[in-house]
Amino acid sequence: MKELTWQAVYHKDGDITEDSEIYSQFNPDGTENPYKDIDRFRLGRFDLLHEGKIVYSLVIRKNQRLIFRRRSLVALNGDLVGLVFLVGWVMTITTPSRQRNLYAINYLQPDGSIVLDNHRSNLSLLSEEL
């Protein structure tokens, strides 16, 4: 079971460059930055890292809003048996009859596989994702 950390990469004038600002989950001194403090207006890419190496990247386009969750899989006896990371985006579109949300979410499974799906009807958006 891999533990992953995240980093937000901010765009400059719509582009991500080598000198783009990075907001990491952990600071060099080990303190943790809150996920809710990611500047979503400047977010260009969201990365998941394992042991400091990027293992997954999500590019955020105009009008898409980041979704990220870390879910623990727990056996009936209470033992942790795995972690699933959900990372994707939601975008509100207007149709002739109403507004609706489109979702694209990747589920990073404990075995390393990745499944692309929607929100599976059980994902409530956080206030910063609305």
N, C-alpha and C. Protein backbone atom coordinates (compact mmCIF):
# COMPACT_ATOMS: atom_id res chain seq x y z
N MET A 1 0.85 -1.17 0.00
CA MET A 1 0.00 0.00 0.00
C MET A 1 0.90 1.23 0.00
N LYS A 2 0.73 2.08 -1.01
CA LYS A 2 1.57 3.26 -1.14
C LYS A 2 0.93 4.46 -0.46
N GLU A 3 1.74 5.20 0.25
CA GLU A 3 1.30 6.48 0.78
C GLU A 3 1.73 7.53 -0.22
N LEU A 4 0.79 8.35 -0.64
CA LEU A 4 1.08 9.40 -1.60
C LEU A 4 0.90 10.76 -0.95
N THR A 5 1.68 11.72 -1.41
CA THR A 5 1.50 13.11 -0.99
C THR A 5 1.14 13.91 -2.23
N TRP A 6 0.68 15.13 -2.03
CA TRP A 6 0.25 15.95 -3.16
C TRP A 6 1.05 17.24 -3.25
N GLN A 7 1.00 17.82 -4.44
CA GLN A 7 1.51 19.17 -4.63
C GLN A 7 0.65 19.85 -5.69
N ALA A 8 0.40 21.14 -5.47
CA ALA A 8 -0.34 21.97 -6.41
C ALA A 8 0.67 22.81 -7.16
N VAL A 9 0.56 22.82 -8.48
CA VAL A 9 1.46 23.61 -9.32
C VAL A 9 0.63 24.74 -9.91
N TYR A 10 1.05 25.97 -9.65
CA TYR A 10 0.30 27.13 -10.10
C TYR A 10 0.80 27.60 -11.46
N HIS A 11 -0.14 28.02 -12.30
CA HIS A 11 0.23 28.51 -13.63
C HIS A 11 0.60 29.99 -13.56
N LYS A 12 1.39 30.40 -14.54
CA LYS A 12 1.75 31.80 -14.73
C LYS A 12 1.19 32.21 -16.08
N ASP A 13 0.29 33.15 -16.08
CA ASP A 13 -0.30 33.62 -17.33
C ASP A 13 -0.86 32.47 -18.17
N GLY A 14 -1.47 31.50 -17.50
CA GLY A 14 -2.08 30.38 -18.19
C GLY A 14 -1.17 29.23 -18.52
N ASP A 15 0.12 29.34 -18.25
CA ASP A 15 1.07 28.28 -18.57
C ASP A 15 1.77 27.77 -17.32
N ILE A 16 2.15 26.50 -17.36
CA ILE A 16 2.99 25.93 -16.32
C ILE A 16 4.41 25.90 -16.87
N THR A 17 5.33 26.49 -16.13
CA THR A 17 6.72 26.54 -16.56
C THR A 17 7.61 25.93 -15.49
N GLU A 18 8.88 25.79 -15.80
CA GLU A 18 9.82 25.21 -14.84
C GLU A 18 9.91 26.03 -13.55
N ASP A 19 9.63 27.32 -13.64
CA ASP A 19 9.71 28.15 -12.45
C ASP A 19 8.33 28.44 -11.84
N SER A 20 7.31 27.62 -12.19
CA SER A 20 5.99 27.78 -11.61
C SER A 20 6.05 27.54 -10.10
N GLU A 21 5.23 28.27 -9.40
CA GLU A 21 5.16 28.13 -7.94
C GLU A 21 4.51 26.80 -7.57
N ILE A 22 5.05 26.14 -6.55
CA ILE A 22 4.53 24.86 -6.08
C ILE A 22 4.10 25.00 -4.62
N TYR A 23 2.91 24.55 -4.33
CA TYR A 23 2.38 24.50 -2.97
C TYR A 23 2.29 23.03 -2.60
N SER A 24 3.15 22.58 -1.69
CA SER A 24 3.25 21.15 -1.35
C SER A 24 2.47 20.82 -0.08
N GLN A 25 2.06 19.57 0.01
CA GLN A 25 1.37 19.10 1.20
C GLN A 25 2.25 19.27 2.43
N PHE A 26 3.57 19.00 2.27
CA PHE A 26 4.49 19.11 3.39
C PHE A 26 5.58 20.13 3.09
N ASN A 27 5.90 20.94 4.07
CA ASN A 27 7.00 21.89 3.99
C ASN A 27 8.31 21.18 4.31
N PRO A 28 9.45 21.78 3.96
CA PRO A 28 10.74 21.16 4.27
C PRO A 28 10.93 20.84 5.76
N ASP A 29 10.29 21.62 6.65
CA ASP A 29 10.43 21.37 8.09
C ASP A 29 9.48 20.29 8.60
N GLY A 30 8.67 19.69 7.68
CA GLY A 30 7.78 18.61 8.07
C GLY A 30 6.36 19.04 8.42
N THR A 31 6.12 20.34 8.53
CA THR A 31 4.76 20.80 8.82
C THR A 31 3.88 20.59 7.59
N GLU A 32 2.60 20.41 7.85
CA GLU A 32 1.67 20.10 6.76
C GLU A 32 0.84 21.31 6.38
N ASN A 33 0.66 21.51 5.09
CA ASN A 33 -0.20 22.57 4.57
C ASN A 33 -1.60 22.01 4.33
N PRO A 34 -2.63 22.79 4.65
CA PRO A 34 -3.99 22.29 4.45
C PRO A 34 -4.38 22.22 2.98
N TYR A 35 -5.03 21.13 2.60
CA TYR A 35 -5.55 20.95 1.24
C TYR A 35 -6.49 22.09 0.87
N LYS A 36 -7.31 22.52 1.82
CA LYS A 36 -8.30 23.56 1.54
C LYS A 36 -7.67 24.89 1.16
N ASP A 37 -6.38 25.08 1.45
CA ASP A 37 -5.72 26.35 1.15
C ASP A 37 -5.09 26.41 -0.25
N ILE A 38 -5.29 25.38 -1.06
CA ILE A 38 -4.81 25.44 -2.44
C ILE A 38 -5.53 26.59 -3.14
N ASP A 39 -4.78 27.42 -3.85
CA ASP A 39 -5.35 28.53 -4.61
C ASP A 39 -5.92 27.97 -5.92
N ARG A 40 -7.20 27.68 -5.90
CA ARG A 40 -7.83 27.03 -7.05
C ARG A 40 -7.93 27.92 -8.28
N PHE A 41 -7.84 29.24 -8.10
CA PHE A 41 -7.89 30.15 -9.24
C PHE A 41 -6.58 30.13 -10.03
N ARG A 42 -5.49 29.75 -9.38
CA ARG A 42 -4.19 29.71 -10.04
C ARG A 42 -3.72 28.29 -10.34
N LEU A 43 -4.49 27.30 -9.95
CA LEU A 43 -4.08 25.90 -10.08
C LEU A 43 -4.03 25.48 -11.54
N GLY A 44 -2.88 24.98 -11.95
CA GLY A 44 -2.70 24.50 -13.32
C GLY A 44 -2.52 22.99 -13.38
N ARG A 45 -1.95 22.42 -12.31
CA ARG A 45 -1.71 20.97 -12.27
C ARG A 45 -1.71 20.51 -10.82
N PHE A 46 -2.20 19.31 -10.60
CA PHE A 46 -2.21 18.70 -9.27
C PHE A 46 -1.49 17.37 -9.40
N ASP A 47 -0.42 17.20 -8.62
CA ASP A 47 0.42 16.00 -8.70
C ASP A 47 0.28 15.16 -7.44
N LEU A 48 0.38 13.85 -7.61
CA LEU A 48 0.54 12.93 -6.50
C LEU A 48 1.95 12.37 -6.58
N LEU A 49 2.62 12.31 -5.42
CA LEU A 49 4.01 11.88 -5.37
C LEU A 49 4.17 10.69 -4.43
N HIS A 50 5.09 9.81 -4.79
CA HIS A 50 5.50 8.71 -3.92
C HIS A 50 7.00 8.83 -3.74
N GLU A 51 7.41 8.99 -2.50
CA GLU A 51 8.83 9.15 -2.16
C GLU A 51 9.47 10.27 -2.99
N GLY A 52 8.73 11.37 -3.16
CA GLY A 52 9.26 12.54 -3.83
C GLY A 52 9.19 12.53 -5.35
N LYS A 53 8.74 11.43 -5.94
CA LYS A 53 8.64 11.34 -7.41
C LYS A 53 7.18 11.42 -7.82
N ILE A 54 6.91 12.20 -8.87
CA ILE A 54 5.55 12.31 -9.37
C ILE A 54 5.11 10.98 -9.98
N VAL A 55 3.97 10.46 -9.51
CA VAL A 55 3.43 9.21 -10.05
C VAL A 55 2.10 9.43 -10.77
N TYR A 56 1.52 10.63 -10.59
CA TYR A 56 0.26 10.95 -11.24
C TYR A 56 0.13 12.47 -11.32
N SER A 57 -0.31 12.97 -12.46
CA SER A 57 -0.55 14.40 -12.64
C SER A 57 -1.91 14.61 -13.27
N LEU A 58 -2.61 15.62 -12.79
CA LEU A 58 -3.89 16.03 -13.36
C LEU A 58 -3.76 17.49 -13.77
N VAL A 59 -3.98 17.77 -15.05
CA VAL A 59 -3.98 19.15 -15.54
C VAL A 59 -5.40 19.69 -15.36
N ILE A 60 -5.49 20.87 -14.76
CA ILE A 60 -6.77 21.52 -14.53
C ILE A 60 -6.96 22.60 -15.59
N ARG A 61 -8.02 22.48 -16.37
CA ARG A 61 -8.34 23.44 -17.42
C ARG A 61 -9.36 24.47 -16.91
N LYS A 62 -9.55 25.48 -17.72
CA LYS A 62 -10.50 26.55 -17.38
C LYS A 62 -11.87 25.95 -17.05
N ASN A 63 -12.47 26.42 -15.98
CA ASN A 63 -13.80 26.02 -15.50
C ASN A 63 -13.84 24.65 -14.84
N GLN A 64 -12.72 23.94 -14.76
CA GLN A 64 -12.68 22.68 -14.03
C GLN A 64 -12.24 22.96 -12.60
N ARG A 65 -12.81 22.23 -11.66
CA ARG A 65 -12.47 22.39 -10.25
C ARG A 65 -11.94 21.07 -9.72
N LEU A 66 -10.84 21.16 -8.99
CA LEU A 66 -10.15 19.98 -8.46
C LEU A 66 -10.99 19.24 -7.43
N ILE A 67 -10.94 17.91 -7.53
CA ILE A 67 -11.49 17.01 -6.51
C ILE A 67 -10.35 16.10 -6.07
N PHE A 68 -10.17 15.96 -4.76
CA PHE A 68 -9.15 15.05 -4.23
C PHE A 68 -9.62 14.48 -2.91
N ARG A 69 -9.50 13.17 -2.76
CA ARG A 69 -9.80 12.50 -1.49
C ARG A 69 -8.80 11.37 -1.29
N ARG A 70 -8.55 11.07 -0.03
CA ARG A 70 -7.76 9.91 0.39
C ARG A 70 -8.69 9.05 1.22
N ARG A 71 -8.98 7.85 0.73
CA ARG A 71 -9.91 6.97 1.42
C ARG A 71 -9.18 5.76 1.97
N SER A 72 -9.46 5.44 3.22
CA SER A 72 -8.88 4.26 3.86
C SER A 72 -9.84 3.09 3.71
N LEU A 73 -9.30 1.95 3.31
CA LEU A 73 -10.08 0.72 3.26
C LEU A 73 -9.80 -0.05 4.54
N VAL A 74 -10.84 -0.30 5.31
CA VAL A 74 -10.68 -0.91 6.63
C VAL A 74 -11.46 -2.22 6.67
N ALA A 75 -10.83 -3.27 7.17
CA ALA A 75 -11.49 -4.57 7.34
C ALA A 75 -12.48 -4.49 8.49
N LEU A 76 -13.37 -5.46 8.56
CA LEU A 76 -14.36 -5.48 9.63
C LEU A 76 -13.73 -5.51 11.02
N ASN A 77 -12.51 -6.05 11.13
CA ASN A 77 -11.84 -6.10 12.43
C ASN A 77 -11.11 -4.79 12.75
N GLY A 78 -11.20 -3.81 11.84
CA GLY A 78 -10.59 -2.50 12.08
C GLY A 78 -9.20 -2.33 11.49
N ASP A 79 -8.63 -3.38 10.90
CA ASP A 79 -7.29 -3.29 10.30
C ASP A 79 -7.35 -2.50 8.99
N LEU A 80 -6.36 -1.63 8.79
CA LEU A 80 -6.23 -0.91 7.54
C LEU A 80 -5.73 -1.87 6.47
N VAL A 81 -6.47 -2.01 5.39
CA VAL A 81 -6.09 -2.95 4.34
C VAL A 81 -5.68 -2.27 3.04
N GLY A 82 -5.85 -0.97 2.96
CA GLY A 82 -5.45 -0.28 1.73
C GLY A 82 -5.88 1.17 1.72
N LEU A 83 -5.33 1.89 0.76
CA LEU A 83 -5.67 3.28 0.54
C LEU A 83 -6.11 3.45 -0.90
N VAL A 84 -7.14 4.24 -1.12
CA VAL A 84 -7.58 4.62 -2.45
C VAL A 84 -7.53 6.13 -2.52
N PHE A 85 -6.91 6.65 -3.57
CA PHE A 85 -6.84 8.08 -3.78
C PHE A 85 -7.76 8.44 -4.94
N LEU A 86 -8.63 9.41 -4.73
CA LEU A 86 -9.53 9.90 -5.76
C LEU A 86 -9.00 11.25 -6.20
N VAL A 87 -8.76 11.43 -7.48
CA VAL A 87 -8.30 12.72 -7.98
C VAL A 87 -8.94 12.96 -9.35
N GLY A 88 -9.49 14.14 -9.49
CA GLY A 88 -10.17 14.46 -10.74
C GLY A 88 -10.70 15.87 -10.72
N TRP A 89 -11.71 16.08 -11.54
CA TRP A 89 -12.28 17.42 -11.64
C TRP A 89 -13.80 17.34 -11.78
N VAL A 90 -14.41 18.49 -11.46
CA VAL A 90 -15.84 18.69 -11.68
C VAL A 90 -15.97 20.00 -12.45
N MET A 91 -16.95 20.04 -13.36
CA MET A 91 -17.19 21.25 -14.13
C MET A 91 -18.70 21.41 -14.27
N THR A 92 -19.18 22.61 -14.00
CA THR A 92 -20.60 22.90 -14.14
C THR A 92 -20.88 23.39 -15.56
N ILE A 93 -21.86 22.76 -16.19
CA ILE A 93 -22.26 23.18 -17.53
C ILE A 93 -23.74 23.55 -17.50
N THR A 94 -24.13 24.39 -18.46
CA THR A 94 -25.53 24.79 -18.58
C THR A 94 -26.13 24.10 -19.79
N THR A 95 -27.22 23.38 -19.56
CA THR A 95 -27.97 22.74 -20.64
C THR A 95 -29.25 23.55 -20.84
N PRO A 96 -30.01 23.27 -21.89
CA PRO A 96 -31.26 24.02 -22.09
C PRO A 96 -32.23 23.93 -20.91
N SER A 97 -32.17 22.85 -20.15
CA SER A 97 -33.13 22.68 -19.06
C SER A 97 -32.59 23.03 -17.67
N ARG A 98 -31.25 22.95 -17.49
CA ARG A 98 -30.72 23.19 -16.13
C ARG A 98 -29.20 23.22 -16.16
N GLN A 99 -28.63 23.51 -15.00
CA GLN A 99 -27.18 23.37 -14.83
C GLN A 99 -26.92 22.00 -14.26
N ARG A 100 -25.80 21.41 -14.68
CA ARG A 100 -25.43 20.11 -14.13
C ARG A 100 -23.92 20.02 -14.05
N ASN A 101 -23.45 19.13 -13.19
CA ASN A 101 -22.02 18.92 -13.00
C ASN A 101 -21.55 17.71 -13.79
N LEU A 102 -20.43 17.88 -14.49
CA LEU A 102 -19.74 16.77 -15.13
C LEU A 102 -18.54 16.41 -14.27
N TYR A 103 -18.29 15.13 -14.09
CA TYR A 103 -17.20 14.66 -13.26
C TYR A 103 -16.27 13.76 -14.07
N ALA A 104 -14.99 13.85 -13.78
CA ALA A 104 -14.00 12.88 -14.26
C ALA A 104 -13.07 12.62 -13.08
N ILE A 105 -13.11 11.40 -12.57
CA ILE A 105 -12.34 11.08 -11.37
C ILE A 105 -11.55 9.80 -11.62
N ASN A 106 -10.28 9.85 -11.30
CA ASN A 106 -9.43 8.67 -11.34
C ASN A 106 -9.34 8.11 -9.91
N TYR A 107 -9.52 6.80 -9.82
CA TYR A 107 -9.40 6.10 -8.54
C TYR A 107 -8.08 5.34 -8.59
N LEU A 108 -7.11 5.76 -7.79
CA LEU A 108 -5.82 5.09 -7.72
C LEU A 108 -5.93 4.00 -6.67
N GLN A 109 -5.92 2.74 -7.12
CA GLN A 109 -6.20 1.58 -6.28
C GLN A 109 -4.94 1.12 -5.52
N PRO A 110 -5.12 0.36 -4.44
CA PRO A 110 -3.97 -0.13 -3.66
C PRO A 110 -2.98 -0.97 -4.47
N ASP A 111 -3.45 -1.63 -5.53
CA ASP A 111 -2.54 -2.46 -6.34
C ASP A 111 -1.80 -1.65 -7.41
N GLY A 112 -2.03 -0.34 -7.44
CA GLY A 112 -1.36 0.53 -8.41
C GLY A 112 -2.16 0.80 -9.67
N SER A 113 -3.27 0.10 -9.85
CA SER A 113 -4.10 0.34 -11.03
C SER A 113 -4.88 1.65 -10.86
N ILE A 114 -5.30 2.19 -12.00
CA ILE A 114 -6.06 3.44 -12.00
C ILE A 114 -7.35 3.20 -12.77
N VAL A 115 -8.47 3.61 -12.18
CA VAL A 115 -9.77 3.45 -12.80
C VAL A 115 -10.36 4.84 -13.02
N LEU A 116 -10.75 5.15 -14.26
CA LEU A 116 -11.42 6.42 -14.57
C LEU A 116 -12.91 6.20 -14.47
N ASP A 117 -13.59 7.06 -13.71
CA ASP A 117 -15.02 6.91 -13.48
C ASP A 117 -15.59 8.28 -13.19
N ASN A 118 -16.84 8.31 -12.77
CA ASN A 118 -17.43 9.57 -12.32
C ASN A 118 -17.45 9.57 -10.80
N HIS A 119 -18.39 10.24 -10.22
CA HIS A 119 -18.40 10.38 -8.75
C HIS A 119 -19.06 9.22 -8.03
N ARG A 120 -19.57 8.23 -8.74
CA ARG A 120 -20.17 7.01 -8.17
C ARG A 120 -21.31 7.30 -7.21
N SER A 121 -21.92 8.46 -7.32
CA SER A 121 -23.11 8.84 -6.55
C SER A 121 -22.90 8.91 -5.04
N ASN A 122 -21.66 8.84 -4.57
CA ASN A 122 -21.46 8.89 -3.13
C ASN A 122 -20.40 9.91 -2.73
N LEU A 123 -20.17 10.90 -3.59
CA LEU A 123 -19.14 11.88 -3.32
C LEU A 123 -19.78 13.26 -3.18
N SER A 124 -19.72 13.79 -1.96
CA SER A 124 -20.21 15.14 -1.74
C SER A 124 -19.07 16.11 -1.98
N LEU A 125 -19.34 17.20 -2.68
CA LEU A 125 -18.29 18.18 -2.92
C LEU A 125 -18.04 18.99 -1.66
N LEU A 126 -16.77 19.33 -1.44
CA LEU A 126 -16.39 20.21 -0.35
C LEU A 126 -16.69 21.64 -0.75
N SER A 127 -16.77 22.53 0.22
CA SER A 127 -17.11 23.94 -0.08
C SER A 127 -16.13 24.55 -1.08
N GLU A 128 -14.85 24.20 -0.99
CA GLU A 128 -13.86 24.76 -1.91
C GLU A 128 -13.96 24.17 -3.32
N GLU A 129 -14.75 23.14 -3.51
CA GLU A 129 -14.92 22.50 -4.82
C GLU A 129 -16.18 22.97 -5.53
N LEU A 130 -17.01 23.72 -4.84
CA LEU A 130 -18.27 24.19 -5.44
C LEU A 130 -18.04 25.32 -6.41
